[in-house]
Structure formats: C-alpha cells, structure tokens
C-alpha atoms as a PDB file:
ATOM      1  CA  MET A   1       5.318  10.385  16.276  1.00  0.00           C
ATOM      2  CA  GLN A   2       7.373  10.122  12.741  1.00  0.00           C
ATOM      3  CA  SER A   3       7.352  13.002  10.888  1.00  0.00           C
ATOM      4  CA  TYR A   4       7.934  13.272   6.697  1.00  0.00           C
ATOM      5  CA  THR A   5       9.538  16.055   4.776  1.00  0.00           C
ATOM      6  CA  ILE A   6       7.614  17.362   1.642  1.00  0.00           C
ATOM      7  CA  GLY A   7       9.673  14.825  -0.337  1.00  0.00           C
ATOM      8  CA  GLN A   8       8.986  11.662   1.921  1.00  0.00           C
ATOM      9  CA  ALA A   9       5.329  12.295   1.730  1.00  0.00           C
ATOM     10  CA  ALA A  10       5.049  13.231  -1.940  1.00  0.00           C
ATOM     11  CA  ARG A  11       6.663   9.692  -2.452  1.00  0.00           C
ATOM     12  CA  LEU A  12       4.520   8.322  -0.185  1.00  0.00           C
ATOM     13  CA  LEU A  13       1.223   9.666  -1.722  1.00  0.00           C
ATOM     14  CA  GLY A  14       2.736   8.977  -4.981  1.00  0.00           C
ATOM     15  CA  VAL A  15       2.793  12.555  -6.396  1.00  0.00           C
ATOM     16  CA  SER A  16       5.621  14.877  -7.354  1.00  0.00           C
ATOM     17  CA  PRO A  17       7.187  16.982  -4.130  1.00  0.00           C
ATOM     18  CA  ASP A  18       6.177  20.176  -6.382  1.00  0.00           C
ATOM     19  CA  THR A  19       2.307  18.891  -5.817  1.00  0.00           C
ATOM     20  CA  ALA A  20       2.431  17.776  -2.156  1.00  0.00           C
ATOM     21  CA  ARG A  21       4.283  21.542  -1.624  1.00  0.00           C
ATOM     22  CA  ARG A  22       0.834  22.862  -3.190  1.00  0.00           C
ATOM     23  CA  TRP A  23      -1.302  20.737  -1.187  1.00  0.00           C
ATOM     24  CA  ALA A  24       0.423  22.330   1.743  1.00  0.00           C
ATOM     25  CA  ASP A  25       0.580  25.621   1.120  1.00  0.00           C
ATOM     26  CA  ALA A  26      -2.992  25.370   0.178  1.00  0.00           C
ATOM     27  CA  GLY A  27      -4.148  24.115   3.529  1.00  0.00           C
ATOM     28  CA  ARG A  28      -5.252  20.650   2.602  1.00  0.00           C
ATOM     29  CA  VAL A  29      -2.285  18.602   5.252  1.00  0.00           C
ATOM     30  CA  ALA A  30      -0.836  20.733   8.000  1.00  0.00           C
ATOM     31  CA  THR A  31       3.139  21.047   7.979  1.00  0.00           C
ATOM     32  CA  HIS A  32       5.151  22.727  10.652  1.00  0.00           C
ATOM     33  CA  ARG A  33       8.685  23.488  11.182  1.00  0.00           C
ATOM     34  CA  ASP A  34      11.101  20.355  12.587  1.00  0.00           C
ATOM     35  CA  GLU A  35      14.455  21.627  14.572  1.00  0.00           C
ATOM     36  CA  SER A  36      16.363  22.314  11.430  1.00  0.00           C
ATOM     37  CA  GLY A  37      13.610  24.472   9.845  1.00  0.00           C
ATOM     38  CA  ARG A  38      12.164  22.447   7.021  1.00  0.00           C
ATOM     39  CA  ARG A  39       8.591  21.916   6.682  1.00  0.00           C
ATOM     40  CA  VAL A  40       7.652  18.331   7.947  1.00  0.00           C
ATOM     41  CA  ILE A  41       4.021  16.417   8.451  1.00  0.00           C
ATOM     42  CA  ASP A  42       3.255  14.621  11.349  1.00  0.00           C
ATOM     43  CA  GLY A  43       2.626  10.764  10.611  1.00  0.00           C
ATOM     44  CA  LYS A  44      -0.846  10.492  11.435  1.00  0.00           C
ATOM     45  CA  SER A  45      -2.110  13.699   9.575  1.00  0.00           C
ATOM     46  CA  LEU A  46       0.046  12.087   6.311  1.00  0.00           C
ATOM     47  CA  ALA A  47      -1.938   9.069   6.975  1.00  0.00           C
ATOM     48  CA  ALA A  48      -5.185  10.294   7.324  1.00  0.00           C
ATOM     49  CA  PHE A  49      -4.294  12.792   4.074  1.00  0.00           C
ATOM     50  CA  SER A  50      -3.094   9.877   2.160  1.00  0.00           C
ATOM     51  CA  MET A  51      -6.176   7.996   2.477  1.00  0.00           C
ATOM     52  CA  GLU A  52      -8.676  11.150   1.498  1.00  0.00           C
ATOM     53  CA  VAL A  53      -6.294  11.710  -1.444  1.00  0.00           C
ATOM     54  CA  ALA A  54      -6.977   8.032  -2.921  1.00  0.00           C
ATOM     55  CA  GLN A  55     -10.495   8.752  -2.257  1.00  0.00           C
ATOM     56  CA  SER A  56     -10.508  11.568  -3.957  1.00  0.00           C
ATOM     57  CA  GLY A  57      -8.328  10.151  -6.791  1.00  0.00           C
ATOM     58  CA  GLY A  58      -5.319  12.550  -6.277  1.00  0.00           C
ATOM     59  CA  GLU A  59      -4.836  15.216  -9.129  1.00  0.00           C
ATOM     60  CA  ASP A  60      -4.343  12.906 -11.455  1.00  0.00           C
ATOM     61  CA  ASP A  61      -5.276   9.935 -12.417  1.00  0.00           C
ATOM     62  CA  ALA A  62      -1.619   8.777 -13.423  1.00  0.00           C
ATOM     63  CA  SER A  63      -0.884   5.006 -12.210  1.00  0.00           C
ATOM     64  CA  TYR A  64       1.288   3.998  -9.356  1.00  0.00           C
ATOM     65  CA  THR A  65       3.638   1.182  -9.866  1.00  0.00           C
ATOM     66  CA  SER A  66       6.141  -0.213  -7.830  1.00  0.00           C
ATOM     67  CA  ALA A  67       9.044  -2.432  -9.058  1.00  0.00           C
ATOM     68  CA  ARG A  68       9.293  -5.967  -7.861  1.00  0.00           C
ATOM     69  CA  ASN A  69       5.450  -5.781  -6.071  1.00  0.00           C
ATOM     70  CA  ALA A  70       7.143  -3.384  -3.442  1.00  0.00           C
ATOM     71  CA  PHE A  71       3.726  -1.060  -2.312  1.00  0.00           C
ATOM     72  CA  PRO A  72       6.541   1.780  -0.418  1.00  0.00           C
ATOM     73  CA  GLY A  73       3.306   3.421   2.056  1.00  0.00           C
ATOM     74  CA  ILE A  74       2.181   4.857   4.948  1.00  0.00           C
ATOM     75  CA  VAL A  75       0.394   2.976   7.875  1.00  0.00           C
ATOM     76  CA  THR A  76      -3.255   4.134   8.063  1.00  0.00           C
ATOM     77  CA  GLY A  77      -5.017   1.473  10.578  1.00  0.00           C
ATOM     78  CA  ILE A  78      -3.829  -1.084  12.950  1.00  0.00           C
ATOM     79  CA  LYS A  79      -6.530  -3.468  13.987  1.00  0.00           C
ATOM     80  CA  LEU A  80      -5.059  -5.832  17.120  1.00  0.00           C
ATOM     81  CA  GLY A  81      -6.816  -9.087  17.867  1.00  0.00           C
ATOM     82  CA  ASP A  82      -5.433 -11.530  20.894  1.00  0.00           C
ATOM     83  CA  ILE A  83      -3.540 -13.635  18.395  1.00  0.00           C
ATOM     84  CA  ALA A  84      -3.920 -11.889  14.902  1.00  0.00           C
ATOM     85  CA  ALA A  85      -3.820  -8.429  13.294  1.00  0.00           C
ATOM     86  CA  GLN A  86      -4.765  -6.270  10.668  1.00  0.00           C
ATOM     87  CA  VAL A  87      -2.807  -3.788   8.738  1.00  0.00           C
ATOM     88  CA  THR A  88      -3.448  -1.108   6.387  1.00  0.00           C
ATOM     89  CA  ILE A  89      -1.280   0.571   4.268  1.00  0.00           C
ATOM     90  CA  GLN A  90      -2.327   3.614   1.877  1.00  0.00           C
ATOM     91  CA  ALA A  91       0.772   3.127  -1.022  1.00  0.00           C
ATOM     92  CA  GLY A  92      -0.637   6.136  -3.303  1.00  0.00           C
ATOM     93  CA  PRO A  93      -3.968   5.477  -4.698  1.00  0.00           C
ATOM     94  CA  HIS A  94      -3.694   1.611  -3.359  1.00  0.00           C
ATOM     95  CA  ARG A  95      -5.408   0.627  -0.066  1.00  0.00           C
ATOM     96  CA  LEU A  96      -3.791  -2.645   0.783  1.00  0.00           C
ATOM     97  CA  VAL A  97      -4.674  -4.990   3.907  1.00  0.00           C
ATOM     98  CA  SER A  98      -2.501  -7.202   5.585  1.00  0.00           C
ATOM     99  CA  LEU A  99      -3.387 -10.583   8.233  1.00  0.00           C
ATOM    100  CA  LEU A 100      -0.465 -11.179  10.048  1.00  0.00           C
ATOM    101  CA  THR A 101       0.492 -12.038  13.648  1.00  0.00           C
ATOM    102  CA  ARG A 102      -0.365  -9.678  16.497  1.00  0.00           C
ATOM    103  CA  GLU A 103       3.208 -10.396  17.348  1.00  0.00           C
ATOM    104  CA  ALA A 104       4.607  -9.788  14.289  1.00  0.00           C
ATOM    105  CA  VAL A 105       2.909  -6.242  14.466  1.00  0.00           C
ATOM    106  CA  GLU A 106       4.715  -5.653  17.843  1.00  0.00           C
ATOM    107  CA  GLU A 107       7.889  -6.652  16.582  1.00  0.00           C
ATOM    108  CA  LEU A 108       7.830  -4.501  13.783  1.00  0.00           C
ATOM    109  CA  GLY A 109       6.735  -1.667  16.738  1.00  0.00           C
ATOM    110  CA  LEU A 110       4.280  -0.832  13.461  1.00  0.00           C
ATOM    111  CA  GLU A 111       2.237   2.156  14.550  1.00  0.00           C
ATOM    112  CA  VAL A 112      -0.365   4.504  12.892  1.00  0.00           C
ATOM    113  CA  GLY A 113       1.193   7.361  10.705  1.00  0.00           C
ATOM    114  CA  MET A 114       4.466   4.887  10.533  1.00  0.00           C
ATOM    115  CA  GLN A 115       6.086   4.223   6.532  1.00  0.00           C
ATOM    116  CA  ALA A 116       6.287   0.684   6.299  1.00  0.00           C
ATOM    117  CA  THR A 117       6.146  -1.488   2.445  1.00  0.00           C
ATOM    118  CA  ALA A 118       3.681  -3.897   1.625  1.00  0.00           C
ATOM    119  CA  ARG A 119       5.239  -6.832  -0.349  1.00  0.00           C
ATOM    120  CA  VAL A 120       2.950  -8.750  -2.637  1.00  0.00           C
ATOM    121  CA  LYS A 121       3.817 -12.461  -3.845  1.00  0.00           C
ATOM    122  CA  SER A 122       0.776 -14.410  -4.894  1.00  0.00           C
ATOM    123  CA  THR A 123      -1.575 -14.557  -2.455  1.00  0.00           C
ATOM    124  CA  SER A 124       0.228 -13.293  -0.174  1.00  0.00           C
ATOM    125  CA  VAL A 125       1.251  -9.717   1.740  1.00  0.00           C
ATOM    126  CA  HIS A 126       4.415  -8.939   3.737  1.00  0.00           C
ATOM    127  CA  ILE A 127       5.359  -5.570   5.308  1.00  0.00           C
ATOM    128  CA  ASP A 128       8.687  -4.777   5.868  1.00  0.00           C
ATOM    129  CA  ARG A 129       8.968  -1.496   8.177  1.00  0.00           C
ATOM    130  CA  THR A 130      11.145   1.042   6.591  1.00  0.00           C
END
C-alpha cells in the first residue's frame, strides 16, 4: 500500500502542510513513521479522510484550482464490471468520477488510496497514474 508524507497529503487535500500536520496532531488522520522516520499516512486512510474533508468543506472555503484541467488527487473508489469500470478521485474539494474500461484500470494498476490525476477535456475524464 502506498503511503504519503504530510506534504504530499496536504497537496492532495488542497491544504497547506501546516494544516495537514495540525489535523494529524489532532488525531483526525492516523500517521505512522516510515523506515526513514518520516511521518506518513497510508493511502486507504488518506482516501477516507479526503472524502470526510470534502464533505465537511475543509478548514476554509478556498477554491482548489489546477492548471490545464488536471486534478491531482487520490483514488477513493473503484467499481469493476465485466468490461467497464468506475473510478472516483477526490482532488481537494472536488470529487471526479470517470467511466473507463476494466482493462485500463488493470493496466494502470489503480487501487483505492493511490495517487492519480484526472484530466478533463470537454465531456471526457482521463485518468493518469502519478
């Protein structure tokens, strides 16, 4: 399972590293130390917490923007069908849902808790693994 540093988690949540650190210190999201001694958050915990933050509106109502319609975030849900799949990404306060082939999800190796970028063009959403 992928883990994220406080700084990486902050970027994915659309907040400052200080805010993410305060949330971790307050016990809102669990952290542990990696082999280097850095505080990290496991991907599944961060995925769940990102949905909680989005529903509560976060610490402030600052808008989250991304250049060229790219929304870096964390995979919060995957529904696999026989042929199609649905992938949900929480990018700060934005929840993006993409319908793509099951084969594409498998080729990208997407899992809940993994960092990914949703790229939006017109009515299509493309997912890049980051």
